């Protein structure tokens, strides 16, 4: 069924009681919950925790939103009574949420669950959810920030949950978990949101692994890092991206950390890490959809962050999104292909690629990435879109919902003055022509790249002197191919073929003494399966690589 582009996202949503039906703001509903359940302990004469909830509405608001808790343990954790945009740092919610969010309970020294006392009745799930979703909406004092009917529908049994149960917290020293959710979505809808997350780091972190758990209804999840000083320009509330204009995103004010289109456990190569400074503020971007015609979707995202001691990494891992917006796909049910190049003639460093992954919407039928030759022609293919999601075999088609993620081991060194070329093919059998856009009824053409910076070009008079003109012909090939290269001087040469997982397949030359000049060696692949292979030529302390494709 075609998804609507009208967004009905629920930060807070349900009818609490008939007495709340005429409330003028979501906060008024929450204040009424406090009046009905909490004022026995939080009265004016001897308020528990120094919190008087029987005071006028505006006074209570000032005393809870962005206000420090009296509890020493919660204060030491950096919590507020209510922290706009962050339920997991809102002590008041953790006190009363009564297990609704299993990983947001109370810690040692933080007292008992509220409401407390012999005759106290715990808040209902709907009441707890109202508070949580109000927090995600930025905890405003005015305005109805919730579609109450949808969350009510979910808790009345007409809903589906995307990720459950909660994923265990990591136990490695220095590791931690970030959880966003639940976020609700009405039937036949899709949404893309951004959420600012301040890490409050005491020191610079080196992150060497991110393990992310994503629902099958998710289109993508991207972790961004705000540029220095940029986070202050964005609200603490969960921000909905306008599907027509892109408003609500932090595009232009961030750098990408990592992108996910399915659950994945990214362990970075040894000696590399993402660097998160003490001032780091993340911006978390989730695009998901609910194609169910009669059930509300509630989605959670969990990701575990693993760290290593500062100063361990020899290289910082960088990330980027390379986009081609100049696409137009007519609804003619025929293949239409587009190519675009990304390079920087003024680059000062080689680029060592660790990860490549592609991204289209539902009309994408192929996606390939090539090296770009000097002068702009298409060079060797380094990414094949027909591979499965973990890039272990060629499945014969492009799965746009679970595109391949290719990891290079060893890293693939590219002269970014030449760069890469992306080529995507689409087939539009839908009801109308399609352009580049932000919803799944539009199209996209982009790839994700993660890399370290290699040797500087500074001081190199002629970089071509350091090349050996490594090539292969034919490429792609069906059974065998010839590897060509040129030695500037006599040397001992080792030539090894690896598969895409970095496993050694065959040694073609083992420390063989060769003379200056043009050389070649044959690779007979008759007994090897089809796939992408890496030819590595070692000459002294220099390593040259070439991608070859065995088609069979």
Protein backbone atom coordinates (compact mmCIF):
# COMPACT_ATOMS: atom_id res chain seq x y z
CA UNK A 1 0.00 0.00 0.00
CA UNK A 2 1.29 3.45 -0.86
CA UNK A 3 2.54 5.28 2.20
CA UNK A 4 1.14 8.70 2.88
CA UNK A 5 3.56 11.58 2.92
CA UNK A 6 1.49 13.26 5.60
CA UNK A 7 3.35 12.77 8.86
CA UNK A 8 1.54 11.87 12.03
CA UNK A 9 4.30 11.37 14.57
CA UNK A 10 3.41 10.96 18.17
CA UNK A 11 5.52 12.53 20.80
CA UNK A 12 2.67 12.22 23.25
CA UNK A 13 -0.71 10.91 22.47
CA UNK A 14 -3.72 9.61 24.24
CA UNK A 15 -6.91 10.60 26.03
CA UNK A 16 -6.18 10.37 29.74
CA UNK A 17 -9.51 11.03 31.37
CA UNK A 18 -12.64 12.98 30.54
CA UNK A 19 -11.44 15.72 32.88
CA UNK A 20 -8.40 16.29 30.61
CA UNK A 21 -10.35 16.44 27.38
CA UNK A 22 -10.46 20.23 27.30
CA UNK A 23 -6.82 20.80 28.25
CA UNK A 24 -5.17 23.69 26.43
CA UNK A 25 -1.68 22.19 26.50
CA UNK A 26 0.02 18.85 26.95
CA UNK A 27 1.75 20.22 30.03
CA UNK A 28 -1.68 20.95 31.53
CA UNK A 29 -2.48 17.23 31.22
CA UNK A 30 0.79 16.36 32.98
CA UNK A 31 0.15 18.89 35.73
CA UNK A 32 -3.24 17.26 36.27
CA UNK A 33 -1.54 13.86 36.61
CA UNK A 34 0.66 15.29 39.36
CA UNK A 35 -2.37 16.75 41.12
CA UNK A 36 -4.22 13.43 41.01
CA UNK A 37 -1.36 11.17 42.05
CA UNK A 38 1.59 12.96 43.66
CA UNK A 39 0.56 15.81 45.96
CA UNK A 40 0.18 13.62 49.05
CA UNK A 41 3.97 13.44 49.27
CA UNK A 42 4.83 16.58 47.30
CA UNK A 43 2.75 19.10 49.21
CA UNK A 44 3.53 22.65 50.24
CA UNK A 45 4.37 22.03 53.89
CA UNK A 46 6.97 19.25 53.65
CA UNK A 47 7.47 18.34 49.99
CA UNK A 48 9.39 15.13 49.33
CA UNK A 49 12.66 15.82 47.54
CA UNK A 50 12.06 19.54 47.93
CA UNK A 51 9.51 19.37 45.10
CA UNK A 52 6.13 21.03 45.70
CA UNK A 53 3.70 19.75 43.08
CA UNK A 54 0.60 21.33 44.61
CA UNK A 55 1.83 24.81 43.65
CA UNK A 56 0.31 26.70 40.70
CA UNK A 57 0.95 25.23 37.28
CA UNK A 58 3.55 27.81 36.21
CA UNK A 59 5.47 27.41 39.48
CA UNK A 60 5.58 23.64 39.11
CA UNK A 61 6.80 23.98 35.54
CA UNK A 62 9.71 26.18 36.60
CA UNK A 63 10.58 23.78 39.41
CA UNK A 64 10.85 20.70 37.16
CA UNK A 65 11.97 21.67 33.63
CA UNK A 66 15.77 22.03 33.43
CA UNK A 67 15.83 22.12 37.23
CA UNK A 68 18.40 20.20 39.25
CA UNK A 69 17.11 17.34 41.39
CA UNK A 70 17.68 17.40 45.16
CA UNK A 71 18.77 13.77 45.10
CA UNK A 72 22.61 13.69 45.27
CA UNK A 73 22.96 10.53 43.20
CA UNK A 74 20.78 11.86 40.36
CA UNK A 75 22.52 15.22 40.50
CA UNK A 76 25.92 13.51 40.27
CA UNK A 77 24.76 11.71 37.11
CA UNK A 78 24.04 15.08 35.52
CA UNK A 79 20.26 14.59 35.44
CA UNK A 80 17.64 17.29 35.51
CA UNK A 81 14.21 16.74 37.00
CA UNK A 82 12.98 17.06 33.43
CA UNK A 83 15.61 17.31 30.68
CA UNK A 84 13.92 18.46 27.44
CA UNK A 85 14.56 15.99 24.62
CA UNK A 86 16.14 13.34 26.85
CA UNK A 87 13.92 10.99 28.91
CA UNK A 88 16.98 9.06 30.10
CA UNK A 89 18.34 12.13 31.87
CA UNK A 90 14.99 13.14 33.35
CA UNK A 91 15.03 12.04 36.99
CA UNK A 92 11.34 12.72 37.56
CA UNK A 93 10.39 10.35 34.72
CA UNK A 94 12.76 7.65 35.95
CA UNK A 95 11.16 7.91 39.37
CA UNK A 96 7.65 7.23 38.08
CA UNK A 97 8.07 5.20 34.87
CA UNK A 98 7.72 1.91 36.80
CA UNK A 99 9.48 -0.39 34.30
CA UNK A 100 7.82 0.86 31.12
CA UNK A 101 11.32 1.54 29.79
CA UNK A 102 13.42 -1.33 31.21
CA UNK A 103 16.75 0.45 30.78
CA UNK A 104 15.63 3.73 32.36
CA UNK A 105 15.12 2.64 35.93
CA UNK A 106 16.47 3.98 39.19
CA UNK A 107 20.09 3.70 40.29
CA UNK A 108 21.51 3.13 43.76
CA UNK A 109 20.76 6.01 46.10
CA UNK A 110 17.89 7.41 44.04
CA UNK A 111 15.07 6.33 46.32
CA UNK A 112 11.85 4.48 45.61
CA UNK A 113 9.52 4.43 42.62
CA UNK A 114 6.84 7.13 42.72
CA UNK A 115 4.05 7.43 43.67
CA UNK A 116 5.25 5.98 46.98
CA UNK A 117 3.38 4.86 50.07
CA UNK A 118 0.98 2.12 51.17
CA UNK A 119 -2.05 3.29 49.22
CA UNK A 120 -0.16 4.77 46.24
CA UNK A 121 -1.20 3.57 42.81
CA UNK A 122 1.44 3.51 40.04
CA UNK A 123 0.85 5.70 37.05
CA UNK A 124 -0.72 3.97 34.06
CA UNK A 125 1.32 3.25 30.97
CA UNK A 126 -0.60 5.96 29.14
CA UNK A 127 0.22 8.53 31.82
CA UNK A 128 3.90 7.54 31.83
CA UNK A 129 4.00 7.67 28.06
CA UNK A 130 2.49 11.14 28.08
CA UNK A 131 5.36 12.38 30.24
CA UNK A 132 8.01 10.61 28.15
CA UNK A 133 6.69 11.88 24.84
CA UNK A 134 6.24 15.41 26.18
CA UNK A 135 9.94 15.30 27.06
CA UNK A 136 10.82 14.21 23.51
CA UNK A 137 8.76 17.14 22.25
CA UNK A 138 10.99 19.51 24.23
CA UNK A 139 8.81 19.70 27.39
CA UNK A 140 7.05 22.95 26.38
CA UNK A 141 4.80 24.76 28.80
CA UNK A 142 2.25 25.63 26.13
CA UNK A 143 0.79 23.90 23.10
CA UNK A 144 -0.74 20.53 22.36
CA UNK A 145 2.33 18.61 21.25
CA UNK A 146 0.69 15.21 21.13
CA UNK A 147 -1.81 13.38 18.99
CA UNK A 148 -3.42 11.58 21.92
CA UNK A 149 -5.55 9.22 19.83
CA UNK A 150 -2.62 7.34 18.30
CA UNK A 151 -0.74 6.46 21.48
CA UNK A 152 -4.07 5.59 23.06
CA UNK A 153 -4.69 3.22 20.15
CA UNK A 154 -1.28 1.61 20.69
CA UNK A 155 -1.84 0.98 24.42
CA UNK A 156 -5.35 -0.29 23.76
CA UNK A 157 -3.83 -3.17 21.81
CA UNK A 158 -3.78 -1.85 18.25
CA UNK A 159 -0.06 -1.42 17.87
CA UNK A 160 3.18 -3.12 16.83
CA UNK A 161 6.58 -2.75 18.46
CA UNK A 162 9.65 -2.65 16.26
CA UNK A 163 12.51 -3.48 18.65
CA UNK A 164 11.90 -5.45 21.83
CA UNK A 165 12.98 -6.26 24.42
CA UNK A 166 15.63 -3.76 25.46
CA UNK A 167 19.15 -4.72 24.42
CA UNK A 168 21.58 -5.30 27.33
CA UNK A 169 23.92 -2.52 28.29
CA UNK A 170 27.53 -3.14 27.20
CA UNK A 171 29.87 -4.12 30.01
CA UNK A 172 33.26 -3.26 28.49
CA UNK A 173 35.10 -0.53 30.42
CA UNK A 174 34.32 2.88 28.94
CA UNK A 175 31.37 1.62 26.89
CA UNK A 176 27.81 2.96 27.09
CA UNK A 177 24.41 2.68 25.40
CA UNK A 178 22.20 5.30 23.77
CA UNK A 179 18.48 4.49 23.50
CA UNK A 180 15.93 6.56 21.60
CA UNK A 181 12.29 5.58 21.91
CA UNK A 182 9.60 4.83 21.92
CA UNK A 183 8.59 7.06 19.03
CA UNK A 184 5.12 6.47 17.58
CA UNK A 185 3.88 6.54 14.00
CA UNK A 186 0.32 6.30 12.73
CA UNK A 187 -0.81 3.80 10.09
CA UNK A 188 0.33 4.21 6.47
CA UNK A 189 2.83 6.94 7.33
CA UNK A 190 6.54 7.66 7.26
CA UNK A 191 8.71 10.16 9.04
CA UNK A 192 12.29 11.34 9.34
CA UNK A 193 13.40 12.97 12.57
CA UNK A 194 16.55 14.39 14.14
CA UNK A 195 17.32 14.41 17.86
CA UNK A 196 20.16 16.31 19.51
CA UNK A 197 22.07 14.24 22.08
CA UNK A 198 24.67 15.91 24.27
CA UNK A 199 27.20 13.33 25.45
CA UNK A 200 28.55 15.52 28.30
CA UNK A 201 31.96 13.90 27.94
CA UNK A 202 34.54 14.48 30.67
CA UNK A 203 37.40 13.86 28.22
CA UNK A 204 38.04 13.16 24.54
CA UNK A 205 36.92 9.67 23.52
CA UNK A 206 38.26 7.29 20.91
CA UNK A 207 35.35 5.17 19.66
CA UNK A 208 36.43 1.92 17.99
CA UNK A 209 33.08 0.13 17.70
CA UNK A 210 29.39 0.97 17.29
CA UNK A 211 26.80 -1.80 17.60
CA UNK A 212 23.37 -0.61 16.45
CA UNK A 213 19.98 -2.36 16.67
CA UNK A 214 17.44 -1.19 14.12
CA UNK A 215 13.89 -2.25 13.26
CA UNK A 216 12.88 -3.76 9.94
CA UNK A 217 10.60 -0.73 9.39
CA UNK A 218 13.61 1.58 9.37
CA UNK A 219 14.90 3.06 6.14
CA UNK A 220 18.09 4.43 7.64
CA UNK A 221 19.71 5.59 10.87
CA UNK A 222 22.57 8.08 10.68
CA UNK A 223 24.72 9.28 13.55
CA UNK A 224 25.95 12.82 12.95
CA UNK A 225 28.27 14.98 15.01
CA UNK A 226 27.51 18.71 15.18
CA UNK A 227 30.23 21.03 14.00
CA UNK A 228 31.85 22.94 16.90
CA UNK A 229 29.38 25.44 18.35
CA UNK A 230 26.55 24.49 15.97
CA UNK A 231 24.42 22.47 18.41
CA UNK A 232 23.28 25.57 20.29
CA UNK A 233 21.35 26.71 17.21
CA UNK A 234 19.05 23.67 17.36
CA UNK A 235 16.23 22.89 19.78
CA UNK A 236 16.46 20.14 22.36
CA UNK A 237 13.19 18.70 21.05
CA UNK A 238 12.88 15.90 18.56
CA UNK A 239 12.78 17.64 15.16
CA UNK A 240 10.71 16.45 12.22
CA UNK A 241 12.31 16.94 8.82
CA UNK A 242 10.05 18.62 6.31
CA UNK A 243 9.86 16.11 3.41
CA UNK A 244 9.64 18.90 0.84
CA UNK A 245 12.22 21.41 2.07
CA UNK A 246 14.48 19.41 4.37
CA UNK A 247 13.90 21.90 7.19
CA UNK A 248 14.53 20.32 10.58
CA UNK A 249 17.75 18.57 9.61
CA UNK A 250 21.22 19.75 10.61
CA UNK A 251 22.56 19.50 7.07
CA UNK A 252 25.50 21.87 6.70
CA UNK A 253 26.06 21.97 10.45
CA UNK A 254 27.31 18.43 11.00
CA UNK A 255 29.74 15.70 10.03
CA UNK A 256 28.61 12.10 9.62
CA UNK A 257 29.91 9.52 12.08
CA UNK A 258 28.25 6.40 10.69
CA UNK A 259 25.19 5.31 8.69
CA UNK A 260 23.09 2.17 9.07
CA UNK A 261 20.37 0.68 6.89
CA UNK A 262 20.02 -2.45 9.06
CA UNK A 263 21.31 -3.65 12.42
CA UNK A 264 25.08 -3.88 12.27
CA UNK A 265 28.10 -4.26 14.51
CA UNK A 266 30.89 -2.00 13.19
CA UNK A 267 34.31 -2.83 14.61
CA UNK A 268 36.77 -0.35 13.19
CA UNK A 269 40.15 -1.55 11.87
CA UNK A 270 42.95 -1.73 14.45
CA UNK A 271 44.80 1.55 15.08
CA UNK A 272 41.79 3.61 13.89
CA UNK A 273 38.92 5.26 15.79
CA UNK A 274 36.30 7.97 15.63
CA UNK A 275 37.37 10.92 17.76
CA UNK A 276 34.72 12.53 19.98
CA UNK A 277 35.97 15.63 21.77
CA UNK A 278 34.60 16.76 25.15
CA UNK A 279 32.30 19.24 23.40
CA UNK A 280 30.81 16.57 21.08
CA UNK A 281 27.04 16.73 20.57
CA UNK A 282 25.49 14.06 18.37
CA UNK A 283 22.51 14.54 16.06
CA UNK A 284 20.60 11.29 15.61
CA UNK A 285 18.68 10.88 12.35
CA UNK A 286 16.03 8.15 11.89
CA UNK A 287 13.88 7.61 8.78
CA UNK A 288 11.22 4.94 9.23
CA UNK A 289 7.79 4.02 7.93
CA UNK A 290 4.62 2.19 8.97
CA UNK A 291 2.91 0.46 6.06
CA UNK A 292 0.45 -1.34 8.34
CA UNK A 293 -3.13 -0.26 7.53
CA UNK A 294 -4.56 -0.62 11.04
CA UNK A 295 -1.79 -0.75 13.67
CA UNK A 296 0.24 2.04 15.22
CA UNK A 297 4.01 1.52 15.16
CA UNK A 298 6.21 2.17 18.19
CA UNK A 299 9.92 2.12 17.37
CA UNK A 300 13.09 2.06 19.49
CA UNK A 301 16.71 2.39 18.45
CA UNK A 302 19.56 1.16 20.64
CA UNK A 303 23.25 1.55 19.96
CA UNK A 304 26.22 0.56 22.05
CA UNK A 305 29.34 2.69 21.90
CA UNK A 306 32.71 1.09 22.68
CA UNK A 307 35.83 3.10 23.41
CA UNK A 308 39.57 2.71 23.79
CA UNK A 309 42.11 4.78 25.74
CA UNK A 310 42.82 8.20 24.26
CA UNK A 311 45.96 8.15 22.13
CA UNK A 312 45.56 4.50 21.06
CA UNK A 313 44.52 5.23 17.47
CA UNK A 314 47.15 6.07 14.88
CA UNK A 315 44.49 7.36 12.46
CA UNK A 316 41.11 9.07 12.81
CA UNK A 317 38.22 7.45 10.94
CA UNK A 318 36.29 9.99 8.85
CA UNK A 319 32.91 9.56 7.18
CA UNK A 320 30.98 11.24 4.40
CA UNK A 321 27.88 10.97 2.21
CA UNK A 322 28.44 11.46 -1.52
CA UNK A 323 25.18 12.44 -3.22
CA UNK A 324 24.00 12.86 -6.80
CA UNK A 325 20.77 14.90 -6.78
CA UNK A 326 20.60 15.26 -10.59
CA UNK A 327 18.38 12.28 -11.26
CA UNK A 328 15.06 12.03 -13.08
CA UNK A 329 13.39 8.63 -13.51
CA UNK A 330 10.40 8.57 -15.87
CA UNK A 331 7.69 5.99 -15.20
CA UNK A 332 8.41 3.99 -18.34
CA UNK A 333 9.38 0.67 -16.67
CA UNK A 334 12.76 0.85 -18.40
CA UNK A 335 16.25 1.02 -16.90
CA UNK A 336 17.70 4.53 -16.53
CA UNK A 337 21.30 4.97 -15.36
CA UNK A 338 23.16 7.95 -13.90
CA UNK A 339 26.84 8.54 -13.12
CA UNK A 340 28.60 11.20 -11.08
CA UNK A 341 32.18 11.72 -9.98
CA UNK A 342 33.55 12.88 -6.65
CA UNK A 343 37.16 14.10 -6.49
CA UNK A 344 39.24 17.03 -5.31
CA UNK A 345 41.96 18.29 -7.61
CA UNK A 346 43.42 20.18 -4.66
CA UNK A 347 43.55 17.19 -2.29
CA UNK A 348 46.70 17.03 -0.18
CA UNK A 349 46.46 13.44 1.11
CA UNK A 350 45.77 9.97 -0.16
CA UNK A 351 42.51 8.48 1.14
CA UNK A 352 42.41 4.99 2.70
CA UNK A 353 38.88 3.61 2.29
CA UNK A 354 37.51 1.24 4.92
CA UNK A 355 33.77 1.14 4.14
CA UNK A 356 31.51 1.71 1.14
CA UNK A 357 27.75 1.33 1.04
CA UNK A 358 25.08 2.61 -1.32
CA UNK A 359 21.59 4.03 -0.90
CA UNK A 360 18.57 4.35 -3.18
CA UNK A 361 14.82 4.12 -2.74
CA UNK A 362 12.47 1.50 -4.16
CA UNK A 363 13.21 2.00 -7.88
CA UNK A 364 16.94 1.31 -7.54
CA UNK A 365 18.00 -1.87 -9.38
CA UNK A 366 21.81 -1.55 -9.42
CA UNK A 367 24.56 0.51 -7.81
CA UNK A 368 28.28 0.31 -8.64
CA UNK A 369 31.32 2.36 -7.63
CA UNK A 370 34.50 2.71 -9.67
CA UNK A 371 37.88 4.32 -9.36
CA UNK A 372 38.12 7.48 -11.46
CA UNK A 373 41.12 7.58 -13.77
CA UNK A 374 43.22 10.72 -14.29
CA UNK A 375 41.35 12.72 -16.90
CA UNK A 376 37.95 11.56 -15.69
CA UNK A 377 37.33 8.18 -17.35
CA UNK A 378 35.91 5.23 -15.44
CA UNK A 379 38.51 2.96 -13.91
CA UNK A 380 38.37 -0.33 -12.03
CA UNK A 381 35.18 -1.32 -10.22
CA UNK A 382 35.54 -1.45 -6.44
CA UNK A 383 31.90 -1.92 -5.32
CA UNK A 384 29.29 -4.25 -6.81
CA UNK A 385 25.67 -3.54 -5.87
CA UNK A 386 24.54 -7.10 -6.60
CA UNK A 387 26.30 -8.39 -3.50
CA UNK A 388 24.36 -9.33 -0.35
CA UNK A 389 24.25 -6.98 2.64
CA UNK A 390 27.47 -8.21 4.28
CA UNK A 391 29.29 -8.49 0.94
CA UNK A 392 29.99 -12.21 1.06
CA UNK A 393 28.49 -13.33 -2.27
CA UNK A 394 27.00 -12.00 -5.50
CA UNK A 395 23.25 -12.65 -5.24
CA UNK A 396 22.52 -11.42 -8.74
CA UNK A 397 20.33 -8.40 -7.89
CA UNK A 398 20.39 -5.12 -5.97
CA UNK A 399 18.46 -5.15 -2.68
CA UNK A 400 17.73 -1.46 -2.13
CA UNK A 401 16.37 -2.06 1.38
CA UNK A 402 19.49 -3.97 2.47
CA UNK A 403 22.29 -2.78 0.16
CA UNK A 404 25.76 -4.27 0.47
CA UNK A 405 28.24 -2.92 2.99
CA UNK A 406 31.78 -3.51 1.75
CA UNK A 407 34.67 -3.42 4.21
CA UNK A 408 38.24 -3.22 2.88
CA UNK A 409 40.97 -5.16 4.64
CA UNK A 410 43.57 -3.93 3.94
CA UNK A 411 42.23 -0.43 3.44
CA UNK A 412 41.95 0.62 -0.21
CA UNK A 413 44.24 3.59 -0.92
CA UNK A 414 42.84 6.07 -3.44
CA UNK A 415 44.34 9.24 -4.87
CA UNK A 416 41.46 11.63 -4.16
CA UNK A 417 42.70 14.00 -6.82
CA UNK A 418 41.18 11.37 -9.11
CA UNK A 419 38.45 10.16 -6.73
CA UNK A 420 35.55 7.81 -7.39
CA UNK A 421 32.61 7.47 -9.77
CA UNK A 422 29.20 6.23 -8.65
CA UNK A 423 26.79 4.68 -11.12
CA UNK A 424 23.18 3.79 -10.26
CA UNK A 425 20.39 2.27 -12.32
CA UNK A 426 16.67 2.74 -11.67
CA UNK A 427 13.48 1.24 -13.09
CA UNK A 428 10.33 3.21 -12.36
CA UNK A 429 7.18 1.13 -12.73
CA UNK A 430 5.19 3.45 -10.50
CA UNK A 431 2.33 5.85 -11.21
CA UNK A 432 4.40 8.99 -11.90
CA UNK A 433 7.81 10.37 -12.80
CA UNK A 434 10.26 10.53 -9.91
CA UNK A 435 12.95 13.03 -8.92
CA UNK A 436 15.49 13.15 -6.09
CA UNK A 437 13.61 13.59 -2.80
CA UNK A 438 13.39 12.75 0.87
CA UNK A 439 10.50 10.26 1.06
CA UNK A 440 10.39 6.67 -0.14
CA UNK A 441 8.04 7.76 -2.92
CA UNK A 442 10.91 9.92 -4.22
CA UNK A 443 14.34 8.60 -5.21
CA UNK A 444 17.90 8.98 -3.99
CA UNK A 445 21.37 8.25 -5.30
CA UNK A 446 24.22 8.37 -2.82
CA UNK A 447 26.91 6.32 -1.17
CA UNK A 448 28.46 6.27 2.29
CA UNK A 449 32.22 6.25 2.63
CA UNK A 450 34.44 5.86 5.70
CA UNK A 451 38.18 6.42 5.43
CA UNK A 452 41.41 7.51 7.04
CA UNK A 453 43.82 10.03 5.57
CA UNK A 454 46.92 8.52 4.01
CA UNK A 455 50.34 9.97 3.17
CA UNK A 456 50.56 13.64 2.29
CA UNK A 457 51.38 14.67 -1.26
CA UNK A 458 53.69 17.36 0.13
CA UNK A 459 57.26 16.92 -1.09
CA UNK A 460 56.34 14.47 -3.82
CA UNK A 461 57.62 15.97 -7.05
CA UNK A 462 55.91 13.50 -9.34
CA UNK A 463 53.58 10.99 -7.74
CA UNK A 464 53.53 8.94 -10.94
CA UNK A 465 57.12 7.90 -10.13
CA UNK A 466 55.72 5.96 -7.20
CA UNK A 467 53.21 4.06 -9.32
CA UNK A 468 53.86 0.80 -11.12
CA UNK A 469 51.02 1.15 -13.63
CA UNK A 470 49.34 -1.89 -12.08
CA UNK A 471 46.52 -3.20 -14.25
CA UNK A 472 44.65 -6.36 -15.22
CA UNK A 473 43.27 -7.55 -18.54
CA UNK A 474 40.64 -8.70 -19.07
CA UNK A 475 38.78 -7.24 -16.11
CA UNK A 476 36.08 -8.39 -15.44
CA UNK A 477 37.15 -11.87 -16.53
CA UNK A 478 35.56 -15.34 -16.64
CA UNK A 479 38.42 -17.77 -15.94
CA UNK A 480 41.83 -16.13 -16.05
CA UNK A 481 43.35 -12.68 -16.30
CA UNK A 482 46.83 -11.20 -16.68
CA UNK A 483 48.29 -8.83 -14.09
CA UNK A 484 50.53 -6.14 -15.64
CA UNK A 485 52.93 -3.80 -13.83
CA UNK A 486 56.15 -1.89 -14.46
CA UNK A 487 59.22 -1.78 -12.22
CA UNK A 488 61.25 1.44 -12.12
CA UNK A 489 64.24 -0.60 -10.97
CA UNK A 490 65.11 -4.23 -10.21
CA UNK A 491 63.39 -5.51 -7.09
CA UNK A 492 62.04 -8.52 -5.23
CA UNK A 493 58.29 -8.84 -5.84
CA UNK A 494 55.51 -10.65 -3.97
CA UNK A 495 52.07 -10.87 -5.58
CA UNK A 496 49.10 -12.14 -3.55
CA UNK A 497 45.39 -12.46 -4.34
CA UNK A 498 42.85 -11.91 -1.54
CA UNK A 499 39.08 -12.32 -1.46
CA UNK A 500 36.71 -9.58 -0.21
CA UNK A 501 37.00 -10.86 3.37
CA UNK A 502 40.78 -10.46 3.32
CA UNK A 503 41.49 -14.21 3.10
CA UNK A 504 44.53 -15.16 1.05
CA UNK A 505 43.40 -16.98 -2.12
CA UNK A 506 46.63 -17.53 -3.99
CA UNK A 507 50.26 -16.38 -4.14
CA UNK A 508 51.31 -15.61 -7.71
CA UNK A 509 54.90 -14.60 -6.86
CA UNK A 510 56.78 -15.00 -3.59
CA UNK A 511 59.70 -12.61 -3.18
CA UNK A 512 60.79 -13.19 -6.78
CA UNK A 513 63.74 -11.14 -8.10
CA UNK A 514 62.64 -9.23 -11.21
CA UNK A 515 64.38 -6.79 -13.54
CA UNK A 516 63.47 -3.21 -14.31
CA UNK A 517 60.74 -2.85 -16.91
CA UNK A 518 57.34 -4.23 -17.77
CA UNK A 519 56.25 -7.47 -16.07
CA UNK A 520 53.16 -9.69 -16.10
CA UNK A 521 51.78 -12.75 -14.36
CA UNK A 522 48.70 -14.84 -15.03
CA UNK A 523 45.98 -15.48 -12.43
CA UNK A 524 44.12 -18.71 -13.23
CA UNK A 525 40.81 -18.50 -11.35
CA UNK A 526 39.10 -21.54 -12.81
CA UNK A 527 38.78 -23.15 -9.36
CA UNK A 528 37.69 -20.00 -7.55
CA UNK A 529 34.10 -18.75 -7.14
CA UNK A 530 32.83 -15.63 -8.88
CA UNK A 531 33.36 -12.46 -6.94
CA UNK A 532 35.58 -9.43 -6.37
CA UNK A 533 39.25 -10.06 -5.57
CA UNK A 534 42.15 -7.84 -4.56
CA UNK A 535 45.58 -8.27 -6.16
CA UNK A 536 48.33 -7.01 -3.84
CA UNK A 537 51.82 -6.33 -5.26
CA UNK A 538 54.53 -5.85 -2.59
CA UNK A 539 57.79 -4.21 -3.65
CA UNK A 540 60.02 -3.45 -0.70
CA UNK A 541 57.95 -1.46 1.79
CA UNK A 542 55.46 -0.33 -0.89
CA UNK A 543 52.12 -2.05 -1.48
CA UNK A 544 50.06 -1.57 -4.65
CA UNK A 545 46.57 -2.99 -5.09
CA UNK A 546 44.17 -3.73 -7.93
CA UNK A 547 40.54 -4.81 -7.85
CA UNK A 548 39.58 -7.59 -10.23
CA UNK A 549 36.13 -9.09 -10.87
CA UNK A 550 35.62 -12.79 -11.63
CA UNK A 551 32.24 -13.22 -13.31
CA UNK A 552 32.05 -16.86 -14.55
